[in-house]
PDB file of N, CA and C in Angstrom:
ATOM      1  N   MET A   1      19.679   0.911  25.543  1.00  0.00           N
ATOM      2  CA  MET A   1      20.622   0.395  24.574  1.00  0.00           C
ATOM      3  C   MET A   1      22.039   0.807  25.005  1.00  0.00           C
ATOM      4  N   PRO A   2      23.031   0.106  24.534  1.00  0.00           N
ATOM      5  CA  PRO A   2      24.405   0.395  24.961  1.00  0.00           C
ATOM      6  C   PRO A   2      24.836   1.845  24.731  1.00  0.00           C
ATOM      7  N   ASP A   3      24.339   2.466  23.679  1.00  0.00           N
ATOM      8  CA  ASP A   3      24.733   3.840  23.378  1.00  0.00           C
ATOM      9  C   ASP A   3      23.853   4.869  24.095  1.00  0.00           C
ATOM     10  N   ARG A   4      22.969   4.384  24.982  1.00  0.00           N
ATOM     11  CA  ARG A   4      22.071   5.226  25.769  1.00  0.00           C
ATOM     12  C   ARG A   4      21.072   5.993  24.900  1.00  0.00           C
ATOM     13  N   GLN A   5      20.794   5.467  23.745  1.00  0.00           N
ATOM     14  CA  GLN A   5      19.818   6.073  22.842  1.00  0.00           C
ATOM     15  C   GLN A   5      18.617   5.135  22.707  1.00  0.00           C
ATOM     16  N   ASP A   6      17.440   5.721  22.516  1.00  0.00           N
ATOM     17  CA  ASP A   6      16.253   4.905  22.268  1.00  0.00           C
ATOM     18  C   ASP A   6      16.413   4.154  20.965  1.00  0.00           C
ATOM     19  N   LYS A   7      15.804   3.013  20.909  1.00  0.00           N
ATOM     20  CA  LYS A   7      15.825   2.205  19.676  1.00  0.00           C
ATOM     21  C   LYS A   7      14.384   1.958  19.276  1.00  0.00           C
ATOM     22  N   TRP A   8      14.075   2.258  18.042  1.00  0.00           N
ATOM     23  CA  TRP A   8      12.731   2.057  17.518  1.00  0.00           C
ATOM     24  C   TRP A   8      12.811   1.119  16.318  1.00  0.00           C
ATOM     25  N   TRP A   9      11.832   0.264  16.201  1.00  0.00           N
ATOM     26  CA  TRP A   9      11.764  -0.652  15.071  1.00  0.00           C
ATOM     27  C   TRP A   9      10.488  -0.365  14.294  1.00  0.00           C
ATOM     28  N   THR A  10      10.557  -0.588  13.013  1.00  0.00           N
ATOM     29  CA  THR A  10       9.382  -0.456  12.172  1.00  0.00           C
ATOM     30  C   THR A  10       8.923  -1.847  11.770  1.00  0.00           C
ATOM     31  N   LEU A  11       7.695  -2.144  12.104  1.00  0.00           N
ATOM     32  CA  LEU A  11       7.108  -3.433  11.751  1.00  0.00           C
ATOM     33  C   LEU A  11       6.101  -3.190  10.635  1.00  0.00           C
ATOM     34  N   SER A  12       6.370  -3.787   9.493  1.00  0.00           N
ATOM     35  CA  SER A  12       5.489  -3.554   8.354  1.00  0.00           C
ATOM     36  C   SER A  12       4.658  -4.780   7.995  1.00  0.00           C
ATOM     37  N   ASP A  13       5.212  -5.943   8.240  1.00  0.00           N
ATOM     38  CA  ASP A  13       4.489  -7.176   7.960  1.00  0.00           C
ATOM     39  C   ASP A  13       5.078  -8.280   8.827  1.00  0.00           C
ATOM     40  N   GLU A  14       4.541  -9.482   8.714  1.00  0.00           N
ATOM     41  CA  GLU A  14       5.005 -10.577   9.566  1.00  0.00           C
ATOM     42  C   GLU A  14       6.478 -10.902   9.358  1.00  0.00           C
ATOM     43  N   ALA A  15       6.990 -10.713   8.188  1.00  0.00           N
ATOM     44  CA  ALA A  15       8.400 -10.996   7.927  1.00  0.00           C
ATOM     45  C   ALA A  15       9.306 -10.057   8.741  1.00  0.00           C
ATOM     46  N   SER A  16       8.860  -8.824   8.931  1.00  0.00           N
ATOM     47  CA  SER A  16       9.679  -7.878   9.696  1.00  0.00           C
ATOM     48  C   SER A  16       9.689  -8.238  11.187  1.00  0.00           C
ATOM     49  N   TYR A  17       8.687  -8.949  11.656  1.00  0.00           N
ATOM     50  CA  TYR A  17       8.638  -9.353  13.065  1.00  0.00           C
ATOM     51  C   TYR A  17       9.803 -10.253  13.431  1.00  0.00           C
ATOM     52  N   VAL A  18      10.169 -11.154  12.527  1.00  0.00           N
ATOM     53  CA  VAL A  18      11.227 -12.120  12.804  1.00  0.00           C
ATOM     54  C   VAL A  18      12.557 -11.406  13.031  1.00  0.00           C
ATOM     55  N   LEU A  19      12.861 -10.433  12.207  1.00  0.00           N
ATOM     56  CA  LEU A  19      14.107  -9.689  12.361  1.00  0.00           C
ATOM     57  C   LEU A  19      14.150  -8.933  13.687  1.00  0.00           C
ATOM     58  N   VAL A  20      13.052  -8.295  14.028  1.00  0.00           N
ATOM     59  CA  VAL A  20      12.987  -7.522  15.264  1.00  0.00           C
ATOM     60  C   VAL A  20      13.007  -8.453  16.477  1.00  0.00           C
ATOM     61  N   GLU A  21      12.325  -9.571  16.387  1.00  0.00           N
ATOM     62  CA  GLU A  21      12.260 -10.512  17.507  1.00  0.00           C
ATOM     63  C   GLU A  21      13.656 -10.946  17.958  1.00  0.00           C
ATOM     64  N   GLY A  22      14.504 -11.290  17.032  1.00  0.00           N
ATOM     65  CA  GLY A  22      15.853 -11.721  17.380  1.00  0.00           C
ATOM     66  C   GLY A  22      16.634 -10.628  18.081  1.00  0.00           C
ATOM     67  N   GLU A  23      16.534  -9.412  17.578  1.00  0.00           N
ATOM     68  CA  GLU A  23      17.262  -8.302  18.183  1.00  0.00           C
ATOM     69  C   GLU A  23      16.733  -7.990  19.586  1.00  0.00           C
ATOM     70  N   VAL A  24      15.421  -8.019  19.740  1.00  0.00           N
ATOM     71  CA  VAL A  24      14.822  -7.744  21.051  1.00  0.00           C
ATOM     72  C   VAL A  24      15.224  -8.828  22.047  1.00  0.00           C
ATOM     73  N   LYS A  25      15.200 -10.063  21.660  1.00  0.00           N
ATOM     74  CA  LYS A  25      15.615 -11.154  22.551  1.00  0.00           C
ATOM     75  C   LYS A  25      17.067 -10.979  22.992  1.00  0.00           C
ATOM     76  N   THR A  26      17.918 -10.602  22.065  1.00  0.00           N
ATOM     77  CA  THR A  26      19.331 -10.400  22.389  1.00  0.00           C
ATOM     78  C   THR A  26      19.501  -9.257  23.382  1.00  0.00           C
ATOM     79  N   VAL A  27      18.842  -8.149  23.123  1.00  0.00           N
ATOM     80  CA  VAL A  27      18.942  -6.992  24.006  1.00  0.00           C
ATOM     81  C   VAL A  27      18.424  -7.338  25.404  1.00  0.00           C
ATOM     82  N   LEU A  28      17.314  -8.037  25.468  1.00  0.00           N
ATOM     83  CA  LEU A  28      16.763  -8.417  26.771  1.00  0.00           C
ATOM     84  C   LEU A  28      17.710  -9.340  27.526  1.00  0.00           C
ATOM     85  N   SER A  29      18.204 -10.373  26.853  1.00  0.00           N
ATOM     86  CA  SER A  29      19.034 -11.356  27.561  1.00  0.00           C
ATOM     87  C   SER A  29      20.429 -10.839  27.892  1.00  0.00           C
ATOM     88  N   GLU A  30      20.987  -9.986  27.042  1.00  0.00           N
ATOM     89  CA  GLU A  30      22.359  -9.524  27.276  1.00  0.00           C
ATOM     90  C   GLU A  30      22.453  -8.210  28.037  1.00  0.00           C
ATOM     91  N   LEU A  31      21.415  -7.387  27.977  1.00  0.00           N
ATOM     92  CA  LEU A  31      21.480  -6.074  28.629  1.00  0.00           C
ATOM     93  C   LEU A  31      20.463  -5.909  29.755  1.00  0.00           C
ATOM     94  N   ALA A  32      19.206  -6.119  29.445  1.00  0.00           N
ATOM     95  CA  ALA A  32      18.152  -5.809  30.416  1.00  0.00           C
ATOM     96  C   ALA A  32      18.161  -6.749  31.615  1.00  0.00           C
ATOM     97  N   ILE A  33      18.194  -8.033  31.381  1.00  0.00           N
ATOM     98  CA  ILE A  33      18.133  -8.992  32.490  1.00  0.00           C
ATOM     99  C   ILE A  33      19.332  -8.856  33.421  1.00  0.00           C
ATOM    100  N   PRO A  34      20.561  -8.767  32.917  1.00  0.00           N
ATOM    101  CA  PRO A  34      21.683  -8.565  33.854  1.00  0.00           C
ATOM    102  C   PRO A  34      21.559  -7.275  34.667  1.00  0.00           C
ATOM    103  N   LEU A  35      21.058  -6.221  34.066  1.00  0.00           N
ATOM    104  CA  LEU A  35      20.878  -4.957  34.781  1.00  0.00           C
ATOM    105  C   LEU A  35      19.844  -5.112  35.893  1.00  0.00           C
ATOM    106  N   ILE A  36      18.739  -5.748  35.592  1.00  0.00           N
ATOM    107  CA  ILE A  36      17.669  -5.944  36.576  1.00  0.00           C
ATOM    108  C   ILE A  36      18.128  -6.865  37.700  1.00  0.00           C
ATOM    109  N   LYS A  37      18.893  -7.892  37.386  1.00  0.00           N
ATOM    110  CA  LYS A  37      19.345  -8.849  38.399  1.00  0.00           C
ATOM    111  C   LYS A  37      20.115  -8.171  39.529  1.00  0.00           C
ATOM    112  N   THR A  38      20.832  -7.114  39.220  1.00  0.00           N
ATOM    113  CA  THR A  38      21.613  -6.432  40.261  1.00  0.00           C
ATOM    114  C   THR A  38      20.718  -5.702  41.259  1.00  0.00           C
ATOM    115  N   HIS A  39      19.433  -5.553  40.937  1.00  0.00           N
ATOM    116  CA  HIS A  39      18.524  -4.810  41.800  1.00  0.00           C
ATOM    117  C   HIS A  39      17.441  -5.697  42.411  1.00  0.00           C
ATOM    118  N   LEU A  40      17.651  -6.995  42.418  1.00  0.00           N
ATOM    119  CA  LEU A  40      16.640  -7.909  42.951  1.00  0.00           C
ATOM    120  C   LEU A  40      16.759  -8.141  44.456  1.00  0.00           C
ATOM    121  N   THR A  41      17.797  -7.654  45.066  1.00  0.00           N
ATOM    122  CA  THR A  41      17.962  -7.810  46.507  1.00  0.00           C
ATOM    123  C   THR A  41      17.749  -6.462  47.187  1.00  0.00           C
ATOM    124  N   GLU A  42      17.489  -6.505  48.478  1.00  0.00           N
ATOM    125  CA  GLU A  42      17.350  -5.253  49.224  1.00  0.00           C
ATOM    126  C   GLU A  42      18.633  -4.439  49.145  1.00  0.00           C
ATOM    127  N   GLN A  43      19.776  -5.108  49.281  1.00  0.00           N
ATOM    128  CA  GLN A  43      21.054  -4.402  49.204  1.00  0.00           C
ATOM    129  C   GLN A  43      21.260  -3.792  47.818  1.00  0.00           C
ATOM    130  N   GLY A  44      20.874  -4.521  46.782  1.00  0.00           N
ATOM    131  CA  GLY A  44      20.987  -4.000  45.426  1.00  0.00           C
ATOM    132  C   GLY A  44      20.139  -2.756  45.222  1.00  0.00           C
ATOM    133  N   LEU A  45      18.932  -2.761  45.787  1.00  0.00           N
ATOM    134  CA  LEU A  45      18.076  -1.579  45.692  1.00  0.00           C
ATOM    135  C   LEU A  45      18.673  -0.401  46.454  1.00  0.00           C
ATOM    136  N   LEU A  46      19.180  -0.664  47.659  1.00  0.00           N
ATOM    137  CA  LEU A  46      19.771   0.424  48.431  1.00  0.00           C
ATOM    138  C   LEU A  46      20.979   1.021  47.719  1.00  0.00           C
ATOM    139  N   GLU A  47      21.761   0.183  47.058  1.00  0.00           N
ATOM    140  CA  GLU A  47      22.901   0.696  46.296  1.00  0.00           C
ATOM    141  C   GLU A  47      22.424   1.540  45.118  1.00  0.00           C
ATOM    142  N   LEU A  48      21.379   1.090  44.453  1.00  0.00           N
ATOM    143  CA  LEU A  48      20.808   1.858  43.350  1.00  0.00           C
ATOM    144  C   LEU A  48      20.297   3.206  43.851  1.00  0.00           C
ATOM    145  N   TRP A  49      19.624   3.197  44.991  1.00  0.00           N
ATOM    146  CA  TRP A  49      19.026   4.403  45.535  1.00  0.00           C
ATOM    147  C   TRP A  49      20.021   5.281  46.272  1.00  0.00           C
ATOM    148  N   ALA A  50      21.255   4.850  46.414  1.00  0.00           N
ATOM    149  CA  ALA A  50      22.262   5.647  47.123  1.00  0.00           C
ATOM    150  C   ALA A  50      22.604   6.912  46.343  1.00  0.00           C
ATOM    151  N   GLY A  51      22.494   6.848  45.034  1.00  0.00           N
ATOM    152  CA  GLY A  51      22.804   8.018  44.223  1.00  0.00           C
ATOM    153  C   GLY A  51      21.685   9.034  44.272  1.00  0.00           C
ATOM    154  N   LYS A  52      22.017  10.238  43.968  1.00  0.00           N
ATOM    155  CA  LYS A  52      21.025  11.309  43.917  1.00  0.00           C
ATOM    156  C   LYS A  52      20.330  11.262  42.566  1.00  0.00           C
ATOM    157  N   THR A  53      19.010  11.336  42.603  1.00  0.00           N
ATOM    158  CA  THR A  53      18.225  11.353  41.382  1.00  0.00           C
ATOM    159  C   THR A  53      17.318  12.568  41.408  1.00  0.00           C
ATOM    160  N   PRO A  54      17.834  13.717  41.001  1.00  0.00           N
ATOM    161  CA  PRO A  54      16.985  14.908  41.036  1.00  0.00           C
ATOM    162  C   PRO A  54      15.854  14.799  40.022  1.00  0.00           C
ATOM    163  N   GLY A  55      14.818  15.539  40.284  1.00  0.00           N
ATOM    164  CA  GLY A  55      13.697  15.549  39.357  1.00  0.00           C
ATOM    165  C   GLY A  55      12.521  14.777  39.903  1.00  0.00           C
ATOM    166  N   SER A  56      11.621  14.423  39.023  1.00  0.00           N
ATOM    167  CA  SER A  56      10.340  13.865  39.427  1.00  0.00           C
ATOM    168  C   SER A  56      10.439  12.482  40.065  1.00  0.00           C
ATOM    169  N   PHE A  57      11.523  11.767  39.880  1.00  0.00           N
ATOM    170  CA  PHE A  57      11.617  10.424  40.444  1.00  0.00           C
ATOM    171  C   PHE A  57      12.313  10.385  41.796  1.00  0.00           C
ATOM    172  N   GLU A  58      12.782  11.494  42.287  1.00  0.00           N
ATOM    173  CA  GLU A  58      13.502  11.491  43.565  1.00  0.00           C
ATOM    174  C   GLU A  58      12.566  11.175  44.735  1.00  0.00           C
ATOM    175  N   TYR A  59      11.384  11.753  44.758  1.00  0.00           N
ATOM    176  CA  TYR A  59      10.472  11.496  45.870  1.00  0.00           C
ATOM    177  C   TYR A  59      10.080  10.017  45.956  1.00  0.00           C
ATOM    178  N   PRO A  60       9.626   9.376  44.885  1.00  0.00           N
ATOM    179  CA  PRO A  60       9.295   7.953  45.007  1.00  0.00           C
ATOM    180  C   PRO A  60      10.482   7.113  45.464  1.00  0.00           C
ATOM    181  N   ARG A  61      11.673   7.431  44.965  1.00  0.00           N
ATOM    182  CA  ARG A  61      12.874   6.687  45.361  1.00  0.00           C
ATOM    183  C   ARG A  61      13.111   6.826  46.861  1.00  0.00           C
ATOM    184  N   LEU A  62      13.014   8.037  47.365  1.00  0.00           N
ATOM    185  CA  LEU A  62      13.224   8.268  48.791  1.00  0.00           C
ATOM    186  C   LEU A  62      12.124   7.633  49.636  1.00  0.00           C
ATOM    187  N   LYS A  63      10.922   7.643  49.133  1.00  0.00           N
ATOM    188  CA  LYS A  63       9.806   7.031  49.859  1.00  0.00           C
ATOM    189  C   LYS A  63      10.056   5.536  50.044  1.00  0.00           C
ATOM    190  N   TYR A  64      10.389   4.844  48.961  1.00  0.00           N
ATOM    191  CA  TYR A  64      10.617   3.400  49.047  1.00  0.00           C
ATOM    192  C   TYR A  64      11.893   3.081  49.828  1.00  0.00           C
ATOM    193  N   LYS A  65      12.885   3.932  49.698  1.00  0.00           N
ATOM    194  CA  LYS A  65      14.119   3.731  50.453  1.00  0.00           C
ATOM    195  C   LYS A  65      13.846   3.859  51.952  1.00  0.00           C
ATOM    196  N   SER A  66      13.022   4.822  52.340  1.00  0.00           N
ATOM    197  CA  SER A  66      12.712   4.999  53.760  1.00  0.00           C
ATOM    198  C   SER A  66      11.966   3.790  54.312  1.00  0.00           C
ATOM    199  N   ILE A  67      11.097   3.202  53.532  1.00  0.00           N
ATOM    200  CA  ILE A  67      10.385   1.997  53.970  1.00  0.00           C
ATOM    201  C   ILE A  67      11.366   0.859  54.176  1.00  0.00           C
ATOM    202  N   LEU A  68      12.238   0.643  53.219  1.00  0.00           N
ATOM    203  CA  LEU A  68      13.205  -0.453  53.307  1.00  0.00           C
ATOM    204  C   LEU A  68      14.152  -0.257  54.485  1.00  0.00           C
ATOM    205  N   LEU A  69      14.632   0.956  54.688  1.00  0.00           N
ATOM    206  CA  LEU A  69      15.519   1.226  55.817  1.00  0.00           C
ATOM    207  C   LEU A  69      14.798   0.988  57.151  1.00  0.00           C
ATOM    208  N   ALA A  70      13.547   1.404  57.231  1.00  0.00           N
ATOM    209  CA  ALA A  70      12.781   1.181  58.462  1.00  0.00           C
ATOM    210  C   ALA A  70      12.598  -0.314  58.717  1.00  0.00           C
ATOM    211  N   LEU A  71      12.298  -1.061  57.683  1.00  0.00           N
ATOM    212  CA  LEU A  71      12.140  -2.517  57.837  1.00  0.00           C
ATOM    213  C   LEU A  71      13.440  -3.177  58.289  1.00  0.00           C
ATOM    214  N   GLN A  72      14.569  -2.572  57.945  1.00  0.00           N
ATOM    215  CA  GLN A  72      15.876  -3.095  58.353  1.00  0.00           C
ATOM    216  C   GLN A  72      16.340  -2.480  59.680  1.00  0.00           C
ATOM    217  N   HIS A  73      15.467  -1.701  60.320  1.00  0.00           N
ATOM    218  CA  HIS A  73      15.770  -1.049  61.601  1.00  0.00           C
ATOM    219  C   HIS A  73      16.976  -0.112  61.507  1.00  0.00           C
ATOM    220  N   ARG A  74      17.134   0.537  60.380  1.00  0.00           N
ATOM    221  CA  ARG A  74      18.213   1.505  60.183  1.00  0.00           C
ATOM    222  C   ARG A  74      17.642   2.913  60.374  1.00  0.00           C
ATOM    223  N   PHE A  75      17.074   3.109  61.553  1.00  0.00           N
ATOM    224  CA  PHE A  75      16.326   4.321  61.860  1.00  0.00           C
ATOM    225  C   PHE A  75      17.183   5.581  61.855  1.00  0.00           C
ATOM    226  N   ASP A  76      18.462   5.450  62.146  1.00  0.00           N
ATOM    227  CA  ASP A  76      19.333   6.623  62.191  1.00  0.00           C
ATOM    228  C   ASP A  76      19.503   7.274  60.819  1.00  0.00           C
ATOM    229  N   GLU A  77      19.176   6.555  59.755  1.00  0.00           N
ATOM    230  CA  GLU A  77      19.306   7.103  58.405  1.00  0.00           C
ATOM    231  C   GLU A  77      18.039   7.811  57.934  1.00  0.00           C
ATOM    232  N   LEU A  78      16.953   7.666  58.682  1.00  0.00           N
ATOM    233  CA  LEU A  78      15.671   8.203  58.239  1.00  0.00           C
ATOM    234  C   LEU A  78      15.532   9.722  58.348  1.00  0.00           C
ATOM    235  N   PRO A  79      16.031  10.375  59.396  1.00  0.00           N
ATOM    236  CA  PRO A  79      15.821  11.832  59.475  1.00  0.00           C
ATOM    237  C   PRO A  79      16.311  12.590  58.242  1.00  0.00           C
ATOM    238  N   GLU A  80      17.450  12.207  57.713  1.00  0.00           N
ATOM    239  CA  GLU A  80      17.970  12.877  56.517  1.00  0.00           C
ATOM    240  C   GLU A  80      17.038  12.661  55.323  1.00  0.00           C
ATOM    241  N   ILE A  81      16.510  11.458  55.202  1.00  0.00           N
ATOM    242  CA  ILE A  81      15.589  11.166  54.102  1.00  0.00           C
ATOM    243  C   ILE A  81      14.289  11.938  54.288  1.00  0.00           C
ATOM    244  N   PHE A  82      13.760  11.951  55.513  1.00  0.00           N
ATOM    245  CA  PHE A  82      12.532  12.706  55.774  1.00  0.00           C
ATOM    246  C   PHE A  82      12.726  14.187  55.452  1.00  0.00           C
ATOM    247  N   GLN A  83      13.883  14.722  55.800  1.00  0.00           N
ATOM    248  CA  GLN A  83      14.163  16.131  55.510  1.00  0.00           C
ATOM    249  C   GLN A  83      14.156  16.391  54.007  1.00  0.00           C
ATOM    250  N   ARG A  84      14.788  15.507  53.259  1.00  0.00           N
ATOM    251  CA  ARG A  84      14.839  15.693  51.802  1.00  0.00           C
ATOM    252  C   ARG A  84      13.448  15.545  51.195  1.00  0.00           C
ATOM    253  N   ILE A  85      12.657  14.603  51.694  1.00  0.00           N
ATOM    254  CA  ILE A  85      11.285  14.450  51.204  1.00  0.00           C
ATOM    255  C   ILE A  85      10.515  15.749  51.431  1.00  0.00           C
ATOM    256  N   ARG A  86      10.692  16.335  52.607  1.00  0.00           N
ATOM    257  CA  ARG A  86       9.990  17.591  52.903  1.00  0.00           C
ATOM    258  C   ARG A  86      10.476  18.728  51.999  1.00  0.00           C
ATOM    259  N   GLU A  87      11.760  18.748  51.684  1.00  0.00           N
ATOM    260  CA  GLU A  87      12.288  19.776  50.776  1.00  0.00           C
ATOM    261  C   GLU A  87      11.675  19.633  49.383  1.00  0.00           C
ATOM    262  N   ILE A  88      11.575  18.406  48.918  1.00  0.00           N
ATOM    263  CA  ILE A  88      11.050  18.156  47.576  1.00  0.00           C
ATOM    264  C   ILE A  88       9.565  18.458  47.489  1.00  0.00           C
ATOM    265  N   CYS A  89       8.812  18.033  48.511  1.00  0.00           N
ATOM    266  CA  CYS A  89       7.352  18.068  48.436  1.00  0.00           C
ATOM    267  C   CYS A  89       6.719  19.294  49.074  1.00  0.00           C
ATOM    268  N   GLY A  90       7.490  20.028  49.847  1.00  0.00           N
ATOM    269  CA  GLY A  90       6.931  21.191  50.531  1.00  0.00           C
ATOM    270  C   GLY A  90       6.346  22.199  49.569  1.00  0.00           C
ATOM    271  N   GLY A  91       5.099  22.584  49.823  1.00  0.00           N
ATOM    272  CA  GLY A  91       4.459  23.615  49.014  1.00  0.00           C
ATOM    273  C   GLY A  91       3.871  23.132  47.703  1.00  0.00           C
ATOM    274  N   ASN A  92       3.887  21.819  47.454  1.00  0.00           N
ATOM    275  CA  ASN A  92       3.251  21.345  46.219  1.00  0.00           C
ATOM    276  C   ASN A  92       2.214  20.274  46.535  1.00  0.00           C
ATOM    277  N   LEU A  93       1.610  19.715  45.525  1.00  0.00           N
ATOM    278  CA  LEU A  93       0.509  18.773  45.719  1.00  0.00           C
ATOM    279  C   LEU A  93       0.916  17.492  46.448  1.00  0.00           C
ATOM    280  N   ALA A  94       2.184  17.158  46.436  1.00  0.00           N
ATOM    281  CA  ALA A  94       2.647  15.932  47.092  1.00  0.00           C
ATOM    282  C   ALA A  94       2.885  16.108  48.584  1.00  0.00           C
ATOM    283  N   GLU A  95       2.811  17.336  49.081  1.00  0.00           N
ATOM    284  CA  GLU A  95       3.168  17.605  50.473  1.00  0.00           C
ATOM    285  C   GLU A  95       2.315  16.802  51.457  1.00  0.00           C
ATOM    286  N   VAL A  96       1.012  16.774  51.276  1.00  0.00           N
ATOM    287  CA  VAL A  96       0.128  16.069  52.208  1.00  0.00           C
ATOM    288  C   VAL A  96       0.453  14.581  52.223  1.00  0.00           C
ATOM    289  N   GLY A  97       0.613  13.982  51.051  1.00  0.00           N
ATOM    290  CA  GLY A  97       0.941  12.564  50.975  1.00  0.00           C
ATOM    291  C   GLY A  97       2.300  12.249  51.576  1.00  0.00           C
ATOM    292  N   ALA A  98       3.258  13.140  51.378  1.00  0.00           N
ATOM    293  CA  ALA A  98       4.598  12.940  51.935  1.00  0.00           C
ATOM    294  C   ALA A  98       4.553  12.974  53.456  1.00  0.00           C
ATOM    295  N   GLU A  99       3.823  13.923  54.013  1.00  0.00           N
ATOM    296  CA  GLU A  99       3.705  14.012  55.468  1.00  0.00           C
ATOM    297  C   GLU A  99       2.971  12.799  56.030  1.00  0.00           C
ATOM    298  N   GLU A 100       1.971  12.308  55.309  1.00  0.00           N
ATOM    299  CA  GLU A 100       1.266  11.090  55.739  1.00  0.00           C
ATOM    300  C   GLU A 100       2.210   9.891  55.733  1.00  0.00           C
ATOM    301  N   HIS A 101       3.032   9.804  54.712  1.00  0.00           N
ATOM    302  CA  HIS A 101       4.005   8.705  54.629  1.00  0.00           C
ATOM    303  C   HIS A 101       4.953   8.747  55.829  1.00  0.00           C
ATOM    304  N   ILE A 102       5.503   9.906  56.116  1.00  0.00           N
ATOM    305  CA  ILE A 102       6.435  10.054  57.239  1.00  0.00           C
ATOM    306  C   ILE A 102       5.731   9.707  58.548  1.00  0.00           C
ATOM    307  N   ALA A 103       4.519  10.203  58.735  1.00  0.00           N
ATOM    308  CA  ALA A 103       3.768   9.938  59.967  1.00  0.00           C
ATOM    309  C   ALA A 103       3.475   8.440  60.116  1.00  0.00           C
ATOM    310  N   GLN A 104       3.121   7.787  59.027  1.00  0.00           N
ATOM    311  CA  GLN A 104       2.833   6.351  59.090  1.00  0.00           C
ATOM    312  C   GLN A 104       4.077   5.554  59.466  1.00  0.00           C
ATOM    313  N   LEU A 105       5.214   5.896  58.897  1.00  0.00           N
ATOM    314  CA  LEU A 105       6.447   5.192  59.253  1.00  0.00           C
ATOM    315  C   LEU A 105       6.795   5.421  60.722  1.00  0.00           C
ATOM    316  N   LYS A 106       6.674   6.655  61.169  1.00  0.00           N
ATOM    317  CA  LYS A 106       6.988   6.950  62.568  1.00  0.00           C
ATOM    318  C   LYS A 106       6.067   6.186  63.510  1.00  0.00           C
ATOM    319  N   LYS A 107       4.799   6.106  63.152  1.00  0.00           N
ATOM    320  CA  LYS A 107       3.838   5.387  63.996  1.00  0.00           C
ATOM    321  C   LYS A 107       4.117   3.886  63.975  1.00  0.00           C
ATOM    322  N   ARG A 108       4.288   3.320  62.796  1.00  0.00           N
ATOM    323  CA  ARG A 108       4.486   1.874  62.662  1.00  0.00           C
ATOM    324  C   ARG A 108       5.743   1.403  63.403  1.00  0.00           C
ATOM    325  N   PHE A 109       6.787   2.209  63.375  1.00  0.00           N
ATOM    326  CA  PHE A 109       8.050   1.797  63.972  1.00  0.00           C
ATOM    327  C   PHE A 109       8.344   2.517  65.288  1.00  0.00           C
ATOM    328  N   SER A 110       7.328   3.178  65.834  1.00  0.00           N
ATOM    329  CA  SER A 110       7.447   3.887  67.120  1.00  0.00           C
ATOM    330  C   SER A 110       8.646   4.818  67.149  1.00  0.00           C
ATOM    331  N   LEU A 111       8.769   5.624  66.099  1.00  0.00           N
ATOM    332  CA  LEU A 111       9.866   6.590  66.012  1.00  0.00           C
ATOM    333  C   LEU A 111       9.429   7.902  66.644  1.00  0.00           C
ATOM    334  N   PRO A 112      10.373   8.665  67.174  1.00  0.00           N
ATOM    335  CA  PRO A 112      10.003   9.955  67.774  1.00  0.00           C
ATOM    336  C   PRO A 112       9.469  10.920  66.728  1.00  0.00           C
ATOM    337  N   GLU A 113       8.592  11.764  67.191  1.00  0.00           N
ATOM    338  CA  GLU A 113       7.990  12.769  66.287  1.00  0.00           C
ATOM    339  C   GLU A 113       8.940  13.849  65.958  1.00  0.00           C
TER     340      GLU A 113
END
């Protein structure tokens, strides 16, 4: 929502659905769809992922970003991403999967070990 707060609706009967439906349609068409449209291209995704997102979503973001960069042959940007992935995942349950991801990208794109 524009104020960055969650919005909850109470639906009590069919009459209340009509009021909520209009508001939800407006929010989707005026806020959600324009926001999503900016991320429908590879460049839009890379711009979104350019920012730092600490916390639990940083690893997935870096994983998908590394795939996209590799597909675009932007290999010089990968070592920094691989390093950050290792920092995030080292010593926890995601470490094995993270190392497998890095190894698969290196193998698929014939990158140095």
